[in-house]
Amino acid sequence: MVDATTAPLPVAHEVLAAVLQVRAGSLQVLLWQRALEPHAHRWSLPGGRLGPTEDVETSIKRQLAEKVDVRQLSHVEQLAVFSAPGRVPDERVVATAFLGLVPSDVDPGVPADTRWHPLDALPDTAFDHESIVGRARGRLSAKLSYTNIGFALAPPVFTVSALRELYSAALGYRVSATNLQRVLARRGLLEPTGDTAAPGRAGGRPAALFRFTQRRMAVTDPFAVFRPPNQARSGGAS
């Protein structure tokens, strides 16, 4: 017979999403402010309990739809399972977390309790959500090296300079536009549209517009790693 004082708590299952977007030159995450305890007034990742008839993918799409227009997410993938016994006070809750990406050219409408926050200046977060955001940032940074996931951050067409700004914000260090174009072109990920961007106030030669050749995630170089300039031997990914 199990002693009621030592019996394990029933295990609940929730889904959470770290939705990232490059906004105003910085990588930001979508958070909502809790109104109730536990952790009232702290900021949380969107998500909630897994429904009795749902799989985790169906559940996160349903719950994201309450915070953001999911049609504007360019990529969603399962990130990790977080199962530390004390991650939620007085409950045993296992979380399946997802990474979601929104391209930089859209500004989804969100509820009044929901805002974008720079990853480098997060507010007080609930539970282990800061760790989940950190894991999401690490996943994105790694995949920018060896996949074409940059398409999910970028608008349909862009200049190389604009793409460099997106990669720099996501990676957390300045990326060389020349090296970025060389690497992505060598992998067959970029193609010119044949058009040019409107000239800026300073005038000069109009910049060529490019697009990704594929807007679906694919591994393009499994051994490539982008590195900060002071760590790279040849200016970036091989």
C-alpha atoms as a PDB file:
ATOM      1  CA  MET A   1       0.000   0.000   0.000  1.00  0.00           C
ATOM      2  CA  VAL A   2       1.320   3.460  -0.945  1.00  0.00           C
ATOM      3  CA  ASP A   3       1.507   6.024   1.868  1.00  0.00           C
ATOM      4  CA  ALA A   4      -0.696   8.978   0.868  1.00  0.00           C
ATOM      5  CA  THR A   5       1.911  11.391   2.202  1.00  0.00           C
ATOM      6  CA  THR A   6       4.537  10.060  -0.171  1.00  0.00           C
ATOM      7  CA  ALA A   7       2.357   9.133  -3.146  1.00  0.00           C
ATOM      8  CA  PRO A   8       3.571  10.778  -6.358  1.00  0.00           C
ATOM      9  CA  LEU A   9       1.575  13.655  -7.773  1.00  0.00           C
ATOM     10  CA  PRO A  10      -0.369  12.901 -10.958  1.00  0.00           C
ATOM     11  CA  VAL A  11       1.586  14.040 -13.992  1.00  0.00           C
ATOM     12  CA  ALA A  12       0.089  16.753 -16.201  1.00  0.00           C
ATOM     13  CA  HIS A  13       1.353  17.605 -19.687  1.00  0.00           C
ATOM     14  CA  GLU A  14       1.571  21.069 -21.198  1.00  0.00           C
ATOM     15  CA  VAL A  15       2.827  22.492 -24.474  1.00  0.00           C
ATOM     16  CA  LEU A  16       4.749  25.756 -24.762  1.00  0.00           C
ATOM     17  CA  ALA A  17       6.132  27.751 -27.689  1.00  0.00           C
ATOM     18  CA  ALA A  18       9.106  30.080 -27.882  1.00  0.00           C
ATOM     19  CA  VAL A  19       8.040  32.224 -30.852  1.00  0.00           C
ATOM     20  CA  LEU A  20      10.971  34.307 -32.112  1.00  0.00           C
ATOM     21  CA  GLN A  21      11.187  37.184 -34.567  1.00  0.00           C
ATOM     22  CA  VAL A  22      13.819  39.762 -35.468  1.00  0.00           C
ATOM     23  CA  ARG A  23      12.184  43.093 -34.626  1.00  0.00           C
ATOM     24  CA  ALA A  24      13.839  46.521 -34.584  1.00  0.00           C
ATOM     25  CA  GLY A  25      17.214  44.900 -35.109  1.00  0.00           C
ATOM     26  CA  SER A  26      17.032  42.439 -32.195  1.00  0.00           C
ATOM     27  CA  LEU A  27      15.882  38.863 -31.718  1.00  0.00           C
ATOM     28  CA  GLN A  28      12.661  38.962 -29.674  1.00  0.00           C
ATOM     29  CA  VAL A  29      10.305  36.438 -28.088  1.00  0.00           C
ATOM     30  CA  LEU A  30       6.542  36.556 -27.642  1.00  0.00           C
ATOM     31  CA  LEU A  31       5.456  36.474 -23.964  1.00  0.00           C
ATOM     32  CA  TRP A  32       2.191  37.020 -22.111  1.00  0.00           C
ATOM     33  CA  GLN A  33       1.791  38.394 -18.581  1.00  0.00           C
ATOM     34  CA  ARG A  34       0.172  36.053 -16.089  1.00  0.00           C
ATOM     35  CA  ALA A  35      -2.770  37.424 -14.087  1.00  0.00           C
ATOM     36  CA  LEU A  36      -3.071  34.581 -11.557  1.00  0.00           C
ATOM     37  CA  GLU A  37      -0.828  32.649  -9.212  1.00  0.00           C
ATOM     38  CA  PRO A  38       1.517  30.914  -9.341  1.00  0.00           C
ATOM     39  CA  HIS A  39       3.941  33.549 -10.598  1.00  0.00           C
ATOM     40  CA  ALA A  40       1.290  36.227 -11.090  1.00  0.00           C
ATOM     41  CA  HIS A  41       2.499  39.237 -13.117  1.00  0.00           C
ATOM     42  CA  ARG A  42       5.485  37.334 -14.489  1.00  0.00           C
ATOM     43  CA  TRP A  43       5.838  36.745 -18.205  1.00  0.00           C
ATOM     44  CA  SER A  44       5.160  33.352 -19.760  1.00  0.00           C
ATOM     45  CA  LEU A  45       5.521  31.566 -23.048  1.00  0.00           C
ATOM     46  CA  PRO A  46       2.238  30.951 -24.865  1.00  0.00           C
ATOM     47  CA  GLY A  47       0.799  27.492 -24.398  1.00  0.00           C
ATOM     48  CA  GLY A  48      -1.229  25.424 -21.971  1.00  0.00           C
ATOM     49  CA  ARG A  49      -2.387  21.956 -21.005  1.00  0.00           C
ATOM     50  CA  LEU A  50      -2.537  19.198 -23.569  1.00  0.00           C
ATOM     51  CA  GLY A  51      -6.131  18.356 -24.440  1.00  0.00           C
ATOM     52  CA  PRO A  52      -7.361  14.783 -23.860  1.00  0.00           C
ATOM     53  CA  THR A  53      -7.777  14.088 -27.582  1.00  0.00           C
ATOM     54  CA  GLU A  54      -4.802  16.125 -28.883  1.00  0.00           C
ATOM     55  CA  ASP A  55      -1.284  15.311 -29.913  1.00  0.00           C
ATOM     56  CA  VAL A  56       1.317  17.937 -29.011  1.00  0.00           C
ATOM     57  CA  GLU A  57       1.479  19.465 -32.505  1.00  0.00           C
ATOM     58  CA  THR A  58      -2.283  19.963 -32.675  1.00  0.00           C
ATOM     59  CA  SER A  59      -2.331  21.376 -29.162  1.00  0.00           C
ATOM     60  CA  ILE A  60       0.401  23.981 -29.680  1.00  0.00           C
ATOM     61  CA  LYS A  61      -1.170  25.203 -32.917  1.00  0.00           C
ATOM     62  CA  ARG A  62      -4.526  25.591 -31.167  1.00  0.00           C
ATOM     63  CA  GLN A  63      -3.020  27.462 -28.247  1.00  0.00           C
ATOM     64  CA  LEU A  64      -0.774  29.661 -30.362  1.00  0.00           C
ATOM     65  CA  ALA A  65      -3.848  30.724 -32.331  1.00  0.00           C
ATOM     66  CA  GLU A  66      -5.074  32.428 -29.136  1.00  0.00           C
ATOM     67  CA  LYS A  67      -1.998  34.694 -29.088  1.00  0.00           C
ATOM     68  CA  VAL A  68      -0.864  35.148 -32.681  1.00  0.00           C
ATOM     69  CA  ASP A  69      -2.124  34.506 -36.196  1.00  0.00           C
ATOM     70  CA  VAL A  70      -0.526  31.104 -36.788  1.00  0.00           C
ATOM     71  CA  ARG A  71      -0.768  31.649 -40.543  1.00  0.00           C
ATOM     72  CA  GLN A  72       2.044  34.164 -40.090  1.00  0.00           C
ATOM     73  CA  LEU A  73       4.417  31.634 -38.513  1.00  0.00           C
ATOM     74  CA  SER A  74       6.930  30.570 -41.127  1.00  0.00           C
ATOM     75  CA  HIS A  75       8.292  27.588 -39.195  1.00  0.00           C
ATOM     76  CA  VAL A  76       7.382  25.497 -36.121  1.00  0.00           C
ATOM     77  CA  GLU A  77       9.357  22.553 -34.764  1.00  0.00           C
ATOM     78  CA  GLN A  78       9.515  20.553 -31.550  1.00  0.00           C
ATOM     79  CA  LEU A  79      12.315  21.844 -29.347  1.00  0.00           C
ATOM     80  CA  ALA A  80      12.669  19.689 -26.213  1.00  0.00           C
ATOM     81  CA  VAL A  81      10.871  18.127 -23.271  1.00  0.00           C
ATOM     82  CA  PHE A  82      11.263  19.834 -19.873  1.00  0.00           C
ATOM     83  CA  SER A  83      10.467  17.506 -16.981  1.00  0.00           C
ATOM     84  CA  ALA A  84      12.248  18.712 -13.820  1.00  0.00           C
ATOM     85  CA  PRO A  85      10.010  17.666 -10.904  1.00  0.00           C
ATOM     86  CA  GLY A  86       9.851  21.164  -9.396  1.00  0.00           C
ATOM     87  CA  ARG A  87       9.454  23.225 -12.543  1.00  0.00           C
ATOM     88  CA  VAL A  88       5.862  24.135 -11.543  1.00  0.00           C
ATOM     89  CA  PRO A  89       5.083  24.679  -7.823  1.00  0.00           C
ATOM     90  CA  ASP A  90       2.916  22.023  -6.141  1.00  0.00           C
ATOM     91  CA  GLU A  91       2.294  20.165  -9.389  1.00  0.00           C
ATOM     92  CA  ARG A  92       4.064  17.617 -11.539  1.00  0.00           C
ATOM     93  CA  VAL A  93       3.931  19.116 -15.014  1.00  0.00           C
ATOM     94  CA  VAL A  94       5.942  17.939 -18.015  1.00  0.00           C
ATOM     95  CA  ALA A  95       6.284  20.441 -20.862  1.00  0.00           C
ATOM     96  CA  THR A  96       6.853  19.773 -24.537  1.00  0.00           C
ATOM     97  CA  ALA A  97       8.339  22.977 -25.942  1.00  0.00           C
ATOM     98  CA  PHE A  98       8.352  24.181 -29.533  1.00  0.00           C
ATOM     99  CA  LEU A  99      10.334  26.749 -31.497  1.00  0.00           C
ATOM    100  CA  GLY A 100       8.288  29.030 -33.735  1.00  0.00           C
ATOM    101  CA  LEU A 101       9.598  31.662 -36.141  1.00  0.00           C
ATOM    102  CA  VAL A 102       7.919  34.726 -37.653  1.00  0.00           C
ATOM    103  CA  PRO A 103       9.434  36.524 -40.669  1.00  0.00           C
ATOM    104  CA  SER A 104      10.625  40.073 -40.121  1.00  0.00           C
ATOM    105  CA  ASP A 105       8.220  41.683 -42.577  1.00  0.00           C
ATOM    106  CA  VAL A 106       5.011  40.918 -40.657  1.00  0.00           C
ATOM    107  CA  ASP A 107       3.654  42.382 -37.436  1.00  0.00           C
ATOM    108  CA  PRO A 108       1.074  39.957 -36.050  1.00  0.00           C
ATOM    109  CA  GLY A 109      -1.695  41.343 -33.909  1.00  0.00           C
ATOM    110  CA  VAL A 110      -1.495  40.074 -30.307  1.00  0.00           C
ATOM    111  CA  PRO A 111      -3.781  40.368 -27.237  1.00  0.00           C
ATOM    112  CA  ALA A 112      -3.366  43.192 -24.741  1.00  0.00           C
ATOM    113  CA  ASP A 113      -1.571  40.944 -22.242  1.00  0.00           C
ATOM    114  CA  THR A 114       0.995  39.812 -24.820  1.00  0.00           C
ATOM    115  CA  ARG A 115       4.158  41.570 -25.999  1.00  0.00           C
ATOM    116  CA  TRP A 116       7.444  41.029 -27.806  1.00  0.00           C
ATOM    117  CA  HIS A 117      10.570  41.185 -25.619  1.00  0.00           C
ATOM    118  CA  PRO A 118      14.249  41.307 -26.691  1.00  0.00           C
ATOM    119  CA  LEU A 119      16.050  38.131 -25.646  1.00  0.00           C
ATOM    120  CA  ASP A 120      18.888  40.229 -24.270  1.00  0.00           C
ATOM    121  CA  ALA A 121      16.513  42.084 -21.906  1.00  0.00           C
ATOM    122  CA  LEU A 122      13.928  39.576 -20.726  1.00  0.00           C
ATOM    123  CA  PRO A 123      11.513  40.580 -17.946  1.00  0.00           C
ATOM    124  CA  ASP A 124      10.881  38.348 -14.915  1.00  0.00           C
ATOM    125  CA  THR A 125       9.664  35.082 -16.411  1.00  0.00           C
ATOM    126  CA  ALA A 126       7.538  32.334 -14.901  1.00  0.00           C
ATOM    127  CA  PHE A 127       8.698  28.847 -14.035  1.00  0.00           C
ATOM    128  CA  ASP A 128      11.579  27.648 -16.269  1.00  0.00           C
ATOM    129  CA  HIS A 129      10.525  29.708 -19.279  1.00  0.00           C
ATOM    130  CA  GLU A 130      13.778  31.677 -19.444  1.00  0.00           C
ATOM    131  CA  SER A 131      15.644  28.376 -19.855  1.00  0.00           C
ATOM    132  CA  ILE A 132      13.263  27.356 -22.628  1.00  0.00           C
ATOM    133  CA  VAL A 133      13.865  30.669 -24.409  1.00  0.00           C
ATOM    134  CA  GLY A 134      17.602  30.084 -24.106  1.00  0.00           C
ATOM    135  CA  ARG A 135      17.253  26.610 -25.583  1.00  0.00           C
ATOM    136  CA  ALA A 136      15.216  28.047 -28.472  1.00  0.00           C
ATOM    137  CA  ARG A 137      17.863  30.671 -29.172  1.00  0.00           C
ATOM    138  CA  GLY A 138      20.554  28.001 -29.180  1.00  0.00           C
ATOM    139  CA  ARG A 139      18.570  25.816 -31.576  1.00  0.00           C
ATOM    140  CA  LEU A 140      18.031  28.706 -33.985  1.00  0.00           C
ATOM    141  CA  SER A 141      21.682  29.748 -33.842  1.00  0.00           C
ATOM    142  CA  ALA A 142      22.847  26.204 -34.554  1.00  0.00           C
ATOM    143  CA  LYS A 143      20.414  25.678 -37.418  1.00  0.00           C
ATOM    144  CA  LEU A 144      21.423  28.928 -39.089  1.00  0.00           C
ATOM    145  CA  SER A 145      24.805  27.281 -39.594  1.00  0.00           C
ATOM    146  CA  TYR A 146      23.805  23.984 -41.151  1.00  0.00           C
ATOM    147  CA  THR A 147      20.295  24.471 -42.574  1.00  0.00           C
ATOM    148  CA  ASN A 148      18.383  26.996 -44.670  1.00  0.00           C
ATOM    149  CA  ILE A 149      16.256  28.115 -41.681  1.00  0.00           C
ATOM    150  CA  GLY A 150      17.156  31.732 -42.429  1.00  0.00           C
ATOM    151  CA  PHE A 151      14.183  31.693 -44.823  1.00  0.00           C
ATOM    152  CA  ALA A 152      11.891  31.646 -41.783  1.00  0.00           C
ATOM    153  CA  LEU A 153      13.319  34.939 -40.490  1.00  0.00           C
ATOM    154  CA  ALA A 154      13.393  36.715 -43.835  1.00  0.00           C
ATOM    155  CA  PRO A 155      10.719  38.321 -46.012  1.00  0.00           C
ATOM    156  CA  PRO A 156      10.064  36.781 -49.444  1.00  0.00           C
ATOM    157  CA  VAL A 157      12.656  39.084 -51.096  1.00  0.00           C
ATOM    158  CA  PHE A 158      15.550  40.961 -49.519  1.00  0.00           C
ATOM    159  CA  THR A 159      18.934  42.520 -50.099  1.00  0.00           C
ATOM    160  CA  VAL A 160      22.047  40.739 -48.861  1.00  0.00           C
ATOM    161  CA  SER A 161      22.604  43.622 -46.472  1.00  0.00           C
ATOM    162  CA  ALA A 162      19.145  43.170 -44.966  1.00  0.00           C
ATOM    163  CA  LEU A 163      19.687  39.414 -44.675  1.00  0.00           C
ATOM    164  CA  ARG A 164      22.997  40.076 -42.916  1.00  0.00           C
ATOM    165  CA  GLU A 165      21.126  42.163 -40.324  1.00  0.00           C
ATOM    166  CA  LEU A 166      18.717  39.286 -39.651  1.00  0.00           C
ATOM    167  CA  TYR A 167      21.516  36.737 -39.257  1.00  0.00           C
ATOM    168  CA  SER A 168      23.481  39.123 -37.037  1.00  0.00           C
ATOM    169  CA  ALA A 169      20.504  39.679 -34.731  1.00  0.00           C
ATOM    170  CA  ALA A 170      19.749  35.967 -34.499  1.00  0.00           C
ATOM    171  CA  LEU A 171      23.368  34.884 -33.974  1.00  0.00           C
ATOM    172  CA  GLY A 172      24.220  37.678 -31.567  1.00  0.00           C
ATOM    173  CA  TYR A 173      27.291  38.969 -33.409  1.00  0.00           C
ATOM    174  CA  ARG A 174      28.053  40.896 -36.574  1.00  0.00           C
ATOM    175  CA  VAL A 175      28.074  38.795 -39.728  1.00  0.00           C
ATOM    176  CA  SER A 176      29.964  39.713 -42.891  1.00  0.00           C
ATOM    177  CA  ALA A 177      27.523  40.311 -45.758  1.00  0.00           C
ATOM    178  CA  THR A 178      30.105  39.164 -48.304  1.00  0.00           C
ATOM    179  CA  ASN A 179      30.848  35.955 -46.452  1.00  0.00           C
ATOM    180  CA  LEU A 180      27.158  35.254 -45.816  1.00  0.00           C
ATOM    181  CA  GLN A 181      26.326  35.635 -49.497  1.00  0.00           C
ATOM    182  CA  ARG A 182      29.270  33.443 -50.475  1.00  0.00           C
ATOM    183  CA  VAL A 183      28.292  30.659 -48.074  1.00  0.00           C
ATOM    184  CA  LEU A 184      24.584  30.654 -48.908  1.00  0.00           C
ATOM    185  CA  ALA A 185      25.174  30.948 -52.647  1.00  0.00           C
ATOM    186  CA  ARG A 186      27.657  28.069 -52.581  1.00  0.00           C
ATOM    187  CA  ARG A 187      24.996  25.906 -50.965  1.00  0.00           C
ATOM    188  CA  GLY A 188      22.446  26.924 -53.609  1.00  0.00           C
ATOM    189  CA  LEU A 189      20.181  28.656 -51.091  1.00  0.00           C
ATOM    190  CA  LEU A 190      19.954  32.110 -52.681  1.00  0.00           C
ATOM    191  CA  GLU A 191      18.879  33.211 -56.124  1.00  0.00           C
ATOM    192  CA  PRO A 192      18.598  36.735 -57.568  1.00  0.00           C
ATOM    193  CA  THR A 193      15.109  37.932 -58.399  1.00  0.00           C
ATOM    194  CA  GLY A 194      16.354  40.144 -61.221  1.00  0.00           C
ATOM    195  CA  ASP A 195      15.009  43.227 -59.441  1.00  0.00           C
ATOM    196  CA  THR A 196      16.684  45.865 -57.309  1.00  0.00           C
ATOM    197  CA  ALA A 197      15.663  47.657 -54.138  1.00  0.00           C
ATOM    198  CA  ALA A 198      14.624  51.278 -54.238  1.00  0.00           C
ATOM    199  CA  PRO A 199      17.646  53.523 -53.642  1.00  0.00           C
ATOM    200  CA  GLY A 200      18.034  54.996 -50.179  1.00  0.00           C
ATOM    201  CA  ARG A 201      18.353  58.656 -49.257  1.00  0.00           C
ATOM    202  CA  ALA A 202      22.082  58.552 -49.920  1.00  0.00           C
ATOM    203  CA  GLY A 203      21.509  57.349 -53.457  1.00  0.00           C
ATOM    204  CA  GLY A 204      24.161  55.086 -54.911  1.00  0.00           C
ATOM    205  CA  ARG A 205      23.874  51.912 -56.905  1.00  0.00           C
ATOM    206  CA  PRO A 206      20.572  50.059 -56.290  1.00  0.00           C
ATOM    207  CA  ALA A 207      21.061  46.822 -54.334  1.00  0.00           C
ATOM    208  CA  ALA A 208      20.078  43.543 -55.953  1.00  0.00           C
ATOM    209  CA  LEU A 209      17.151  41.633 -54.477  1.00  0.00           C
ATOM    210  CA  PHE A 210      17.418  37.938 -53.618  1.00  0.00           C
ATOM    211  CA  ARG A 211      15.155  35.186 -52.333  1.00  0.00           C
ATOM    212  CA  PHE A 212      15.668  31.774 -50.788  1.00  0.00           C
ATOM    213  CA  THR A 213      15.428  28.977 -53.330  1.00  0.00           C
ATOM    214  CA  GLN A 214      13.358  26.909 -50.899  1.00  0.00           C
ATOM    215  CA  ARG A 215      11.071  28.011 -48.070  1.00  0.00           C
ATOM    216  CA  ARG A 216      10.943  24.690 -46.297  1.00  0.00           C
ATOM    217  CA  MET A 217      13.521  23.617 -43.711  1.00  0.00           C
ATOM    218  CA  ALA A 218      16.316  21.422 -45.037  1.00  0.00           C
ATOM    219  CA  VAL A 219      19.801  20.443 -43.887  1.00  0.00           C
ATOM    220  CA  THR A 220      22.261  21.970 -46.329  1.00  0.00           C
ATOM    221  CA  ASP A 221      25.683  21.350 -44.742  1.00  0.00           C
ATOM    222  CA  PRO A 222      25.600  19.132 -41.613  1.00  0.00           C
ATOM    223  CA  PHE A 223      29.133  20.061 -40.527  1.00  0.00           C
ATOM    224  CA  ALA A 224      29.034  23.836 -41.031  1.00  0.00           C
ATOM    225  CA  VAL A 225      29.297  26.202 -38.070  1.00  0.00           C
ATOM    226  CA  PHE A 226      29.009  29.988 -38.146  1.00  0.00           C
ATOM    227  CA  ARG A 227      31.455  31.516 -35.677  1.00  0.00           C
ATOM    228  CA  PRO A 228      32.041  35.033 -34.389  1.00  0.00           C
ATOM    229  CA  PRO A 229      34.752  36.852 -36.391  1.00  0.00           C
ATOM    230  CA  ASN A 230      37.390  36.421 -33.680  1.00  0.00           C
ATOM    231  CA  GLN A 231      36.805  32.650 -33.630  1.00  0.00           C
ATOM    232  CA  ALA A 232      36.407  31.946 -37.319  1.00  0.00           C
ATOM    233  CA  ARG A 233      39.422  30.806 -39.290  1.00  0.00           C
ATOM    234  CA  SER A 234      38.049  31.907 -42.611  1.00  0.00           C
ATOM    235  CA  GLY A 235      35.391  34.466 -41.712  1.00  0.00           C
ATOM    236  CA  GLY A 236      32.461  32.182 -40.897  1.00  0.00           C
ATOM    237  CA  ALA A 237      30.911  28.861 -41.808  1.00  0.00           C
ATOM    238  CA  SER A 238      32.820  26.496 -43.994  1.00  0.00           C
END
